[in-house]
Amino acid sequence: MALYELRQYKVRDGKMAAWVELMESEIIPYAVSNGMVFTGSFCSEEDPTVYIWIRRFEDEASRERLYAKVYESEHWKTNLSPQIGALLIREESIIHRLVPTSLSVLQ
């Protein structure tokens, strides 16, 4: 059964536009090109510092394999990761691992 991650990030004040640009132009395309599946990307209507995205994995083994492929790559370490700290407050990230219920359309 598939599993999902719902990731909520705290974006530094005034940096949301830059964060969304980085996600949409670099992070999401890079992760997708390595096999990750993104199901949603959202900015909060109520809090200009909250960004949420959701991705899907076939199973835990797939999640572990894709994490290693993306986050242990030289491109991630050298080009992408250094930009993230300037835009996010990493220690305020909230990550939920979700398993769909039997009636969920997200299976």
PDB file of N, CA and C in Angstrom:
ATOM      1  N   MET A   1       0.840  -1.183   0.000  1.00  0.00           N
ATOM      2  CA  MET A   1       0.000   0.000   0.000  1.00  0.00           C
ATOM      3  C   MET A   1       0.882   1.242   0.000  1.00  0.00           C
ATOM      4  N   ALA A   2       0.460   2.245  -0.721  1.00  0.00           N
ATOM      5  CA  ALA A   2       1.204   3.494  -0.818  1.00  0.00           C
ATOM      6  C   ALA A   2       1.249   4.204   0.526  1.00  0.00           C
ATOM      7  N   LEU A   3       2.273   5.014   0.682  1.00  0.00           N
ATOM      8  CA  LEU A   3       2.331   5.904   1.834  1.00  0.00           C
ATOM      9  C   LEU A   3       2.642   7.302   1.333  1.00  0.00           C
ATOM     10  N   TYR A   4       2.222   8.274   2.116  1.00  0.00           N
ATOM     11  CA  TYR A   4       2.394   9.676   1.757  1.00  0.00           C
ATOM     12  C   TYR A   4       3.185  10.383   2.843  1.00  0.00           C
ATOM     13  N   GLU A   5       3.811  11.464   2.449  1.00  0.00           N
ATOM     14  CA  GLU A   5       4.397  12.406   3.401  1.00  0.00           C
ATOM     15  C   GLU A   5       3.717  13.746   3.192  1.00  0.00           C
ATOM     16  N   LEU A   6       3.224  14.305   4.261  1.00  0.00           N
ATOM     17  CA  LEU A   6       2.748  15.670   4.259  1.00  0.00           C
ATOM     18  C   LEU A   6       3.787  16.461   5.033  1.00  0.00           C
ATOM     19  N   ARG A   7       4.431  17.388   4.343  1.00  0.00           N
ATOM     20  CA  ARG A   7       5.543  18.137   4.925  1.00  0.00           C
ATOM     21  C   ARG A   7       5.134  19.599   5.056  1.00  0.00           C
ATOM     22  N   GLN A   8       5.208  20.118   6.275  1.00  0.00           N
ATOM     23  CA  GLN A   8       4.883  21.521   6.529  1.00  0.00           C
ATOM     24  C   GLN A   8       6.152  22.249   6.928  1.00  0.00           C
ATOM     25  N   TYR A   9       6.458  23.299   6.194  1.00  0.00           N
ATOM     26  CA  TYR A   9       7.682  24.060   6.434  1.00  0.00           C
ATOM     27  C   TYR A   9       7.355  25.468   6.905  1.00  0.00           C
ATOM     28  N   LYS A  10       8.228  25.985   7.744  1.00  0.00           N
ATOM     29  CA  LYS A  10       8.157  27.379   8.183  1.00  0.00           C
ATOM     30  C   LYS A  10       9.138  28.161   7.318  1.00  0.00           C
ATOM     31  N   VAL A  11       8.605  29.066   6.504  1.00  0.00           N
ATOM     32  CA  VAL A  11       9.413  29.871   5.602  1.00  0.00           C
ATOM     33  C   VAL A  11       9.782  31.170   6.323  1.00  0.00           C
ATOM     34  N   ARG A  12      11.006  31.611   6.151  1.00  0.00           N
ATOM     35  CA  ARG A  12      11.443  32.856   6.779  1.00  0.00           C
ATOM     36  C   ARG A  12      10.590  34.017   6.260  1.00  0.00           C
ATOM     37  N   ASP A  13      10.361  34.999   7.147  1.00  0.00           N
ATOM     38  CA  ASP A  13       9.542  36.159   6.790  1.00  0.00           C
ATOM     39  C   ASP A  13      10.021  36.785   5.483  1.00  0.00           C
ATOM     40  N   GLY A  14       9.067  37.029   4.590  1.00  0.00           N
ATOM     41  CA  GLY A  14       9.356  37.680   3.330  1.00  0.00           C
ATOM     42  C   GLY A  14      10.028  36.811   2.283  1.00  0.00           C
ATOM     43  N   LYS A  15      10.177  35.506   2.554  1.00  0.00           N
ATOM     44  CA  LYS A  15      10.907  34.622   1.639  1.00  0.00           C
ATOM     45  C   LYS A  15      10.022  33.623   0.903  1.00  0.00           C
ATOM     46  N   MET A  16       8.694  33.728   1.036  1.00  0.00           N
ATOM     47  CA  MET A  16       7.818  32.731   0.423  1.00  0.00           C
ATOM     48  C   MET A  16       7.963  32.701  -1.098  1.00  0.00           C
ATOM     49  N   ALA A  17       7.986  33.845  -1.747  1.00  0.00           N
ATOM     50  CA  ALA A  17       8.097  33.855  -3.211  1.00  0.00           C
ATOM     51  C   ALA A  17       9.391  33.175  -3.652  1.00  0.00           C
ATOM     52  N   ALA A  18      10.483  33.455  -2.958  1.00  0.00           N
ATOM     53  CA  ALA A  18      11.768  32.826  -3.295  1.00  0.00           C
ATOM     54  C   ALA A  18      11.717  31.329  -3.026  1.00  0.00           C
ATOM     55  N   TRP A  19      11.056  30.916  -1.938  1.00  0.00           N
ATOM     56  CA  TRP A  19      10.949  29.494  -1.624  1.00  0.00           C
ATOM     57  C   TRP A  19      10.143  28.752  -2.690  1.00  0.00           C
ATOM     58  N   VAL A  20       8.984  29.293  -3.060  1.00  0.00           N
ATOM     59  CA  VAL A  20       8.148  28.657  -4.074  1.00  0.00           C
ATOM     60  C   VAL A  20       8.906  28.578  -5.400  1.00  0.00           C
ATOM     61  N   GLU A  21       9.615  29.622  -5.748  1.00  0.00           N
ATOM     62  CA  GLU A  21      10.413  29.604  -6.979  1.00  0.00           C
ATOM     63  C   GLU A  21      11.459  28.490  -6.937  1.00  0.00           C
ATOM     64  N   LEU A  22      12.157  28.343  -5.812  1.00  0.00           N
ATOM     65  CA  LEU A  22      13.155  27.282  -5.672  1.00  0.00           C
ATOM     66  C   LEU A  22      12.493  25.906  -5.763  1.00  0.00           C
ATOM     67  N   MET A  23      11.372  25.734  -5.070  1.00  0.00           N
ATOM     68  CA  MET A  23      10.667  24.448  -5.124  1.00  0.00           C
ATOM     69  C   MET A  23      10.233  24.117  -6.550  1.00  0.00           C
ATOM     70  N   GLU A  24       9.594  25.074  -7.212  1.00  0.00           N
ATOM     71  CA  GLU A  24       9.002  24.789  -8.517  1.00  0.00           C
ATOM     72  C   GLU A  24      10.013  24.745  -9.651  1.00  0.00           C
ATOM     73  N   SER A  25      11.105  25.475  -9.529  1.00  0.00           N
ATOM     74  CA  SER A  25      12.070  25.496 -10.632  1.00  0.00           C
ATOM     75  C   SER A  25      13.211  24.508 -10.449  1.00  0.00           C
ATOM     76  N   GLU A  26      13.495  24.119  -9.190  1.00  0.00           N
ATOM     77  CA  GLU A  26      14.656  23.260  -8.967  1.00  0.00           C
ATOM     78  C   GLU A  26      14.368  22.011  -8.144  1.00  0.00           C
ATOM     79  N   ILE A  27      13.809  22.169  -6.957  1.00  0.00           N
ATOM     80  CA  ILE A  27      13.673  21.024  -6.050  1.00  0.00           C
ATOM     81  C   ILE A  27      12.684  19.985  -6.579  1.00  0.00           C
ATOM     82  N   ILE A  28      11.465  20.406  -6.907  1.00  0.00           N
ATOM     83  CA  ILE A  28      10.476  19.443  -7.395  1.00  0.00           C
ATOM     84  C   ILE A  28      10.938  18.796  -8.699  1.00  0.00           C
ATOM     85  N   PRO A  29      11.374  19.571  -9.708  1.00  0.00           N
ATOM     86  CA  PRO A  29      11.831  18.906 -10.935  1.00  0.00           C
ATOM     87  C   PRO A  29      12.989  17.932 -10.708  1.00  0.00           C
ATOM     88  N   TYR A  30      13.917  18.285  -9.835  1.00  0.00           N
ATOM     89  CA  TYR A  30      15.040  17.385  -9.566  1.00  0.00           C
ATOM     90  C   TYR A  30      14.556  16.095  -8.905  1.00  0.00           C
ATOM     91  N   ALA A  31      13.712  16.222  -7.899  1.00  0.00           N
ATOM     92  CA  ALA A  31      13.214  15.028  -7.206  1.00  0.00           C
ATOM     93  C   ALA A  31      12.379  14.153  -8.150  1.00  0.00           C
ATOM     94  N   VAL A  32      11.521  14.768  -8.953  1.00  0.00           N
ATOM     95  CA  VAL A  32      10.702  14.020  -9.896  1.00  0.00           C
ATOM     96  C   VAL A  32      11.585  13.311 -10.921  1.00  0.00           C
ATOM     97  N   SER A  33      12.632  13.975 -11.391  1.00  0.00           N
ATOM     98  CA  SER A  33      13.528  13.349 -12.369  1.00  0.00           C
ATOM     99  C   SER A  33      14.246  12.135 -11.791  1.00  0.00           C
ATOM    100  N   ASN A  34      14.266  12.038 -10.457  1.00  0.00           N
ATOM    101  CA  ASN A  34      14.881  10.895  -9.789  1.00  0.00           C
ATOM    102  C   ASN A  34      13.854   9.884  -9.296  1.00  0.00           C
ATOM    103  N   GLY A  35      12.580  10.064  -9.674  1.00  0.00           N
ATOM    104  CA  GLY A  35      11.572   9.062  -9.381  1.00  0.00           C
ATOM    105  C   GLY A  35      10.564   9.392  -8.292  1.00  0.00           C
ATOM    106  N   MET A  36      10.699  10.518  -7.603  1.00  0.00           N
ATOM    107  CA  MET A  36       9.721  10.865  -6.571  1.00  0.00           C
ATOM    108  C   MET A  36       8.423  11.332  -7.221  1.00  0.00           C
ATOM    109  N   VAL A  37       7.304  11.104  -6.521  1.00  0.00           N
ATOM    110  CA  VAL A  37       5.993  11.501  -7.016  1.00  0.00           C
ATOM    111  C   VAL A  37       5.431  12.575  -6.090  1.00  0.00           C
ATOM    112  N   PHE A  38       5.186  13.761  -6.658  1.00  0.00           N
ATOM    113  CA  PHE A  38       4.595  14.862  -5.903  1.00  0.00           C
ATOM    114  C   PHE A  38       3.112  14.912  -6.188  1.00  0.00           C
ATOM    115  N   THR A  39       2.312  15.056  -5.138  1.00  0.00           N
ATOM    116  CA  THR A  39       0.866  15.104  -5.314  1.00  0.00           C
ATOM    117  C   THR A  39       0.277  16.462  -4.969  1.00  0.00           C
ATOM    118  N   GLY A  40       1.060  17.356  -4.376  1.00  0.00           N
ATOM    119  CA  GLY A  40       0.537  18.679  -4.064  1.00  0.00           C
ATOM    120  C   GLY A  40       1.586  19.599  -3.486  1.00  0.00           C
ATOM    121  N   SER A  41       1.386  20.892  -3.736  1.00  0.00           N
ATOM    122  CA  SER A  41       2.266  21.946  -3.255  1.00  0.00           C
ATOM    123  C   SER A  41       1.370  23.136  -2.909  1.00  0.00           C
ATOM    124  N   PHE A  42       1.473  23.651  -1.674  1.00  0.00           N
ATOM    125  CA  PHE A  42       0.510  24.642  -1.196  1.00  0.00           C
ATOM    126  C   PHE A  42       1.164  25.732  -0.348  1.00  0.00           C
ATOM    127  N   CYS A  43       0.623  26.940  -0.472  1.00  0.00           N
ATOM    128  CA  CYS A  43       0.935  28.040   0.443  1.00  0.00           C
ATOM    129  C   CYS A  43      -0.311  28.270   1.292  1.00  0.00           C
ATOM    130  N   SER A  44      -0.122  28.539   2.560  1.00  0.00           N
ATOM    131  CA  SER A  44      -1.253  28.778   3.446  1.00  0.00           C
ATOM    132  C   SER A  44      -1.912  30.120   3.129  1.00  0.00           C
ATOM    133  N   GLU A  45      -3.233  30.134   3.104  1.00  0.00           N
ATOM    134  CA  GLU A  45      -3.968  31.399   2.944  1.00  0.00           C
ATOM    135  C   GLU A  45      -3.912  32.232   4.220  1.00  0.00           C
ATOM    136  N   GLU A  46      -3.746  31.566   5.351  1.00  0.00           N
ATOM    137  CA  GLU A  46      -3.846  32.240   6.639  1.00  0.00           C
ATOM    138  C   GLU A  46      -2.509  32.672   7.221  1.00  0.00           C
ATOM    139  N   ASP A  47      -1.439  31.995   6.856  1.00  0.00           N
ATOM    140  CA  ASP A  47      -0.124  32.285   7.427  1.00  0.00           C
ATOM    141  C   ASP A  47       0.893  32.374   6.293  1.00  0.00           C
ATOM    142  N   PRO A  48       1.430  33.560   6.027  1.00  0.00           N
ATOM    143  CA  PRO A  48       2.351  33.731   4.901  1.00  0.00           C
ATOM    144  C   PRO A  48       3.710  33.057   5.087  1.00  0.00           C
ATOM    145  N   THR A  49       3.890  32.351   6.188  1.00  0.00           N
ATOM    146  CA  THR A  49       5.144  31.644   6.426  1.00  0.00           C
ATOM    147  C   THR A  49       4.989  30.130   6.366  1.00  0.00           C
ATOM    148  N   VAL A  50       3.809  29.632   6.016  1.00  0.00           N
ATOM    149  CA  VAL A  50       3.566  28.188   5.995  1.00  0.00           C
ATOM    150  C   VAL A  50       3.471  27.689   4.555  1.00  0.00           C
ATOM    151  N   TYR A  51       4.310  26.696   4.253  1.00  0.00           N
ATOM    152  CA  TYR A  51       4.310  26.014   2.961  1.00  0.00           C
ATOM    153  C   TYR A  51       4.130  24.520   3.233  1.00  0.00           C
ATOM    154  N   ILE A  52       3.245  23.889   2.469  1.00  0.00           N
ATOM    155  CA  ILE A  52       2.955  22.465   2.650  1.00  0.00           C
ATOM    156  C   ILE A  52       3.066  21.769   1.304  1.00  0.00           C
ATOM    157  N   TRP A  53       3.659  20.589   1.316  1.00  0.00           N
ATOM    158  CA  TRP A  53       3.675  19.769   0.111  1.00  0.00           C
ATOM    159  C   TRP A  53       3.497  18.322   0.490  1.00  0.00           C
ATOM    160  N   ILE A  54       3.018  17.557  -0.484  1.00  0.00           N
ATOM    161  CA  ILE A  54       2.707  16.155  -0.263  1.00  0.00           C
ATOM    162  C   ILE A  54       3.382  15.336  -1.360  1.00  0.00           C
ATOM    163  N   ARG A  55       3.951  14.223  -0.975  1.00  0.00           N
ATOM    164  CA  ARG A  55       4.509  13.301  -1.960  1.00  0.00           C
ATOM    165  C   ARG A  55       4.121  11.870  -1.601  1.00  0.00           C
ATOM    166  N   ARG A  56       4.172  11.017  -2.621  1.00  0.00           N
ATOM    167  CA  ARG A  56       3.694   9.642  -2.507  1.00  0.00           C
ATOM    168  C   ARG A  56       4.840   8.672  -2.775  1.00  0.00           C
ATOM    169  N   PHE A  57       4.857   7.589  -2.006  1.00  0.00           N
ATOM    170  CA  PHE A  57       5.821   6.507  -2.195  1.00  0.00           C
ATOM    171  C   PHE A  57       5.056   5.198  -2.273  1.00  0.00           C
ATOM    172  N   GLU A  58       5.563   4.274  -3.059  1.00  0.00           N
ATOM    173  CA  GLU A  58       4.906   2.972  -3.192  1.00  0.00           C
ATOM    174  C   GLU A  58       4.920   2.198  -1.873  1.00  0.00           C
ATOM    175  N   ASP A  59       6.028   2.294  -1.150  1.00  0.00           N
ATOM    176  CA  ASP A  59       6.178   1.587   0.120  1.00  0.00           C
ATOM    177  C   ASP A  59       7.419   2.141   0.820  1.00  0.00           C
ATOM    178  N   GLU A  60       7.708   1.622   1.988  1.00  0.00           N
ATOM    179  CA  GLU A  60       8.841   2.118   2.780  1.00  0.00           C
ATOM    180  C   GLU A  60      10.174   1.874   2.070  1.00  0.00           C
ATOM    181  N   ALA A  61      10.326   0.746   1.432  1.00  0.00           N
ATOM    182  CA  ALA A  61      11.582   0.465   0.724  1.00  0.00           C
ATOM    183  C   ALA A  61      11.801   1.467  -0.403  1.00  0.00           C
ATOM    184  N   SER A  62      10.748   1.809  -1.101  1.00  0.00           N
ATOM    185  CA  SER A  62      10.827   2.805  -2.167  1.00  0.00           C
ATOM    186  C   SER A  62      11.189   4.170  -1.604  1.00  0.00           C
ATOM    187  N   ARG A  63      10.568   4.531  -0.492  1.00  0.00           N
ATOM    188  CA  ARG A  63      10.870   5.820   0.146  1.00  0.00           C
ATOM    189  C   ARG A  63      12.342   5.886   0.520  1.00  0.00           C
ATOM    190  N   GLU A  64      12.864   4.853   1.145  1.00  0.00           N
ATOM    191  CA  GLU A  64      14.272   4.841   1.549  1.00  0.00           C
ATOM    192  C   GLU A  64      15.207   4.936   0.342  1.00  0.00           C
ATOM    193  N   ARG A  65      14.887   4.198  -0.707  1.00  0.00           N
ATOM    194  CA  ARG A  65      15.723   4.217  -1.918  1.00  0.00           C
ATOM    195  C   ARG A  65      15.727   5.606  -2.557  1.00  0.00           C
ATOM    196  N   LEU A  66      14.547   6.222  -2.667  1.00  0.00           N
ATOM    197  CA  LEU A  66      14.460   7.540  -3.294  1.00  0.00           C
ATOM    198  C   LEU A  66      15.085   8.628  -2.425  1.00  0.00           C
ATOM    199  N   TYR A  67      14.933   8.529  -1.114  1.00  0.00           N
ATOM    200  CA  TYR A  67      15.608   9.474  -0.218  1.00  0.00           C
ATOM    201  C   TYR A  67      17.114   9.436  -0.469  1.00  0.00           C
ATOM    202  N   ALA A  68      17.679   8.237  -0.503  1.00  0.00           N
ATOM    203  CA  ALA A  68      19.126   8.100  -0.712  1.00  0.00           C
ATOM    204  C   ALA A  68      19.526   8.671  -2.064  1.00  0.00           C
ATOM    205  N   LYS A  69      18.759   8.347  -3.089  1.00  0.00           N
ATOM    206  CA  LYS A  69      19.090   8.795  -4.445  1.00  0.00           C
ATOM    207  C   LYS A  69      19.089  10.320  -4.546  1.00  0.00           C
ATOM    208  N   VAL A  70      18.129  10.970  -3.918  1.00  0.00           N
ATOM    209  CA  VAL A  70      18.017  12.431  -4.012  1.00  0.00           C
ATOM    210  C   VAL A  70      18.917  13.123  -2.996  1.00  0.00           C
ATOM    211  N   TYR A  71      18.749  12.810  -1.710  1.00  0.00           N
ATOM    212  CA  TYR A  71      19.395  13.589  -0.655  1.00  0.00           C
ATOM    213  C   TYR A  71      20.871  13.273  -0.448  1.00  0.00           C
ATOM    214  N   GLU A  72      21.332  12.150  -0.970  1.00  0.00           N
ATOM    215  CA  GLU A  72      22.756  11.840  -0.868  1.00  0.00           C
ATOM    216  C   GLU A  72      23.509  12.182  -2.150  1.00  0.00           C
ATOM    217  N   SER A  73      22.820  12.750  -3.110  1.00  0.00           N
ATOM    218  CA  SER A  73      23.468  13.112  -4.380  1.00  0.00           C
ATOM    219  C   SER A  73      24.339  14.360  -4.204  1.00  0.00           C
ATOM    220  N   GLU A  74      25.353  14.457  -5.031  1.00  0.00           N
ATOM    221  CA  GLU A  74      26.217  15.640  -5.013  1.00  0.00           C
ATOM    222  C   GLU A  74      25.431  16.888  -5.392  1.00  0.00           C
ATOM    223  N   HIS A  75      24.514  16.767  -6.349  1.00  0.00           N
ATOM    224  CA  HIS A  75      23.707  17.925  -6.758  1.00  0.00           C
ATOM    225  C   HIS A  75      22.912  18.470  -5.579  1.00  0.00           C
ATOM    226  N   TRP A  76      22.294  17.562  -4.806  1.00  0.00           N
ATOM    227  CA  TRP A  76      21.519  18.016  -3.649  1.00  0.00           C
ATOM    228  C   TRP A  76      22.443  18.684  -2.630  1.00  0.00           C
ATOM    229  N   LYS A  77      23.517  18.000  -2.285  1.00  0.00           N
ATOM    230  CA  LYS A  77      24.422  18.503  -1.246  1.00  0.00           C
ATOM    231  C   LYS A  77      25.087  19.818  -1.636  1.00  0.00           C
ATOM    232  N   THR A  78      25.480  19.936  -2.898  1.00  0.00           N
ATOM    233  CA  THR A  78      26.251  21.094  -3.338  1.00  0.00           C
ATOM    234  C   THR A  78      25.382  22.263  -3.776  1.00  0.00           C
ATOM    235  N   ASN A  79      24.290  21.981  -4.496  1.00  0.00           N
ATOM    236  CA  ASN A  79      23.515  23.054  -5.110  1.00  0.00           C
ATOM    237  C   ASN A  79      22.207  23.393  -4.411  1.00  0.00           C
ATOM    238  N   LEU A  80      21.487  22.397  -3.949  1.00  0.00           N
ATOM    239  CA  LEU A  80      20.155  22.661  -3.414  1.00  0.00           C
ATOM    240  C   LEU A  80      20.137  22.879  -1.911  1.00  0.00           C
ATOM    241  N   SER A  81      20.738  22.001  -1.165  1.00  0.00           N
ATOM    242  CA  SER A  81      20.701  22.099   0.292  1.00  0.00           C
ATOM    243  C   SER A  81      21.203  23.443   0.828  1.00  0.00           C
ATOM    244  N   PRO A  82      22.282  23.998   0.298  1.00  0.00           N
ATOM    245  CA  PRO A  82      22.751  25.282   0.820  1.00  0.00           C
ATOM    246  C   PRO A  82      21.737  26.424   0.660  1.00  0.00           C
ATOM    247  N   GLN A  83      20.899  26.360  -0.340  1.00  0.00           N
ATOM    248  CA  GLN A  83      19.903  27.418  -0.552  1.00  0.00           C
ATOM    249  C   GLN A  83      18.739  27.325   0.433  1.00  0.00           C
ATOM    250  N   ILE A  84      18.470  26.135   0.903  1.00  0.00           N
ATOM    251  CA  ILE A  84      17.287  25.904   1.736  1.00  0.00           C
ATOM    252  C   ILE A  84      17.371  26.629   3.074  1.00  0.00           C
ATOM    253  N   GLY A  85      18.520  26.588   3.719  1.00  0.00           N
ATOM    254  CA  GLY A  85      18.664  27.217   5.031  1.00  0.00           C
ATOM    255  C   GLY A  85      18.418  28.713   5.032  1.00  0.00           C
ATOM    256  N   ALA A  86      18.663  29.367   3.917  1.00  0.00           N
ATOM    257  CA  ALA A  86      18.420  30.810   3.827  1.00  0.00           C
ATOM    258  C   ALA A  86      16.933  31.128   3.702  1.00  0.00           C
ATOM    259  N   LEU A  87      16.138  30.129   3.351  1.00  0.00           N
ATOM    260  CA  LEU A  87      14.715  30.358   3.104  1.00  0.00           C
ATOM    261  C   LEU A  87      13.795  29.731   4.140  1.00  0.00           C
ATOM    262  N   LEU A  88      14.230  28.638   4.761  1.00  0.00           N
ATOM    263  CA  LEU A  88      13.389  27.922   5.731  1.00  0.00           C
ATOM    264  C   LEU A  88      13.984  27.965   7.129  1.00  0.00           C
ATOM    265  N   ILE A  89      13.119  27.839   8.108  1.00  0.00           N
ATOM    266  CA  ILE A  89      13.537  27.579   9.484  1.00  0.00           C
ATOM    267  C   ILE A  89      13.373  26.076   9.657  1.00  0.00           C
ATOM    268  N   ARG A  90      14.434  25.343   9.375  1.00  0.00           N
ATOM    269  CA  ARG A  90      14.359  23.877   9.282  1.00  0.00           C
ATOM    270  C   ARG A  90      13.871  23.211  10.559  1.00  0.00           C
ATOM    271  N   GLU A  91      14.279  23.736  11.707  1.00  0.00           N
ATOM    272  CA  GLU A  91      13.900  23.089  12.969  1.00  0.00           C
ATOM    273  C   GLU A  91      12.405  23.210  13.265  1.00  0.00           C
ATOM    274  N   GLU A  92      11.671  24.003  12.505  1.00  0.00           N
ATOM    275  CA  GLU A  92      10.219  24.115  12.689  1.00  0.00           C
ATOM    276  C   GLU A  92       9.435  23.304  11.670  1.00  0.00           C
ATOM    277  N   SER A  93      10.113  22.459  10.927  1.00  0.00           N
ATOM    278  CA  SER A  93       9.427  21.589   9.966  1.00  0.00           C
ATOM    279  C   SER A  93       8.607  20.535  10.702  1.00  0.00           C
ATOM    280  N   ILE A  94       7.463  20.221  10.132  1.00  0.00           N
ATOM    281  CA  ILE A  94       6.595  19.172  10.660  1.00  0.00           C
ATOM    282  C   ILE A  94       6.357  18.187   9.528  1.00  0.00           C
ATOM    283  N   ILE A  95       6.697  16.936   9.755  1.00  0.00           N
ATOM    284  CA  ILE A  95       6.536  15.918   8.732  1.00  0.00           C
ATOM    285  C   ILE A  95       5.600  14.839   9.251  1.00  0.00           C
ATOM    286  N   HIS A  96       4.529  14.610   8.501  1.00  0.00           N
ATOM    287  CA  HIS A  96       3.573  13.558   8.826  1.00  0.00           C
ATOM    288  C   HIS A  96       3.706  12.453   7.795  1.00  0.00           C
ATOM    289  N   ARG A  97       3.799  11.222   8.249  1.00  0.00           N
ATOM    290  CA  ARG A  97       3.749  10.056   7.353  1.00  0.00           C
ATOM    291  C   ARG A  97       2.327   9.541   7.416  1.00  0.00           C
ATOM    292  N   LEU A  98       1.719   9.407   6.244  1.00  0.00           N
ATOM    293  CA  LEU A  98       0.297   9.083   6.157  1.00  0.00           C
ATOM    294  C   LEU A  98       0.072   7.814   5.356  1.00  0.00           C
ATOM    295  N   VAL A  99      -0.882   7.017   5.804  1.00  0.00           N
ATOM    296  CA  VAL A  99      -1.321   5.827   5.080  1.00  0.00           C
ATOM    297  C   VAL A  99      -2.799   6.049   4.772  1.00  0.00           C
ATOM    298  N   PRO A 100      -3.183   5.952   3.489  1.00  0.00           N
ATOM    299  CA  PRO A 100      -4.585   6.204   3.141  1.00  0.00           C
ATOM    300  C   PRO A 100      -5.528   5.165   3.748  1.00  0.00           C
ATOM    301  N   THR A 101      -6.703   5.629   4.107  1.00  0.00           N
ATOM    302  CA  THR A 101      -7.746   4.719   4.571  1.00  0.00           C
ATOM    303  C   THR A 101      -8.420   4.078   3.369  1.00  0.00           C
ATOM    304  N   SER A 102      -9.255   3.109   3.604  1.00  0.00           N
ATOM    305  CA  SER A 102      -9.846   2.327   2.514  1.00  0.00           C
ATOM    306  C   SER A 102     -10.707   3.176   1.572  1.00  0.00           C
ATOM    307  N   LEU A 103     -11.297   4.263   2.035  1.00  0.00           N
ATOM    308  CA  LEU A 103     -12.148   5.088   1.171  1.00  0.00           C
ATOM    309  C   LEU A 103     -11.413   6.288   0.572  1.00  0.00           C
ATOM    310  N   SER A 104     -10.156   6.440   0.866  1.00  0.00           N
ATOM    311  CA  SER A 104      -9.404   7.573   0.322  1.00  0.00           C
ATOM    312  C   SER A 104      -9.202   7.416  -1.184  1.00  0.00           C
ATOM    313  N   VAL A 105      -9.393   8.505  -1.919  1.00  0.00           N
ATOM    314  CA  VAL A 105      -9.122   8.463  -3.357  1.00  0.00           C
ATOM    315  C   VAL A 105      -7.621   8.454  -3.621  1.00  0.00           C
ATOM    316  N   LEU A 106      -6.835   8.791  -2.644  1.00  0.00           N
ATOM    317  CA  LEU A 106      -5.366   8.731  -2.760  1.00  0.00           C
ATOM    318  C   LEU A 106      -4.897   7.379  -2.260  1.00  0.00           C
ATOM    319  N   GLN A 107      -4.820   6.425  -3.148  1.00  0.00           N
ATOM    320  CA  GLN A 107      -4.393   5.067  -2.782  1.00  0.00           C
ATOM    321  C   GLN A 107      -2.996   4.806  -3.240  1.00  0.00           C
TER     322      GLN A 107
END
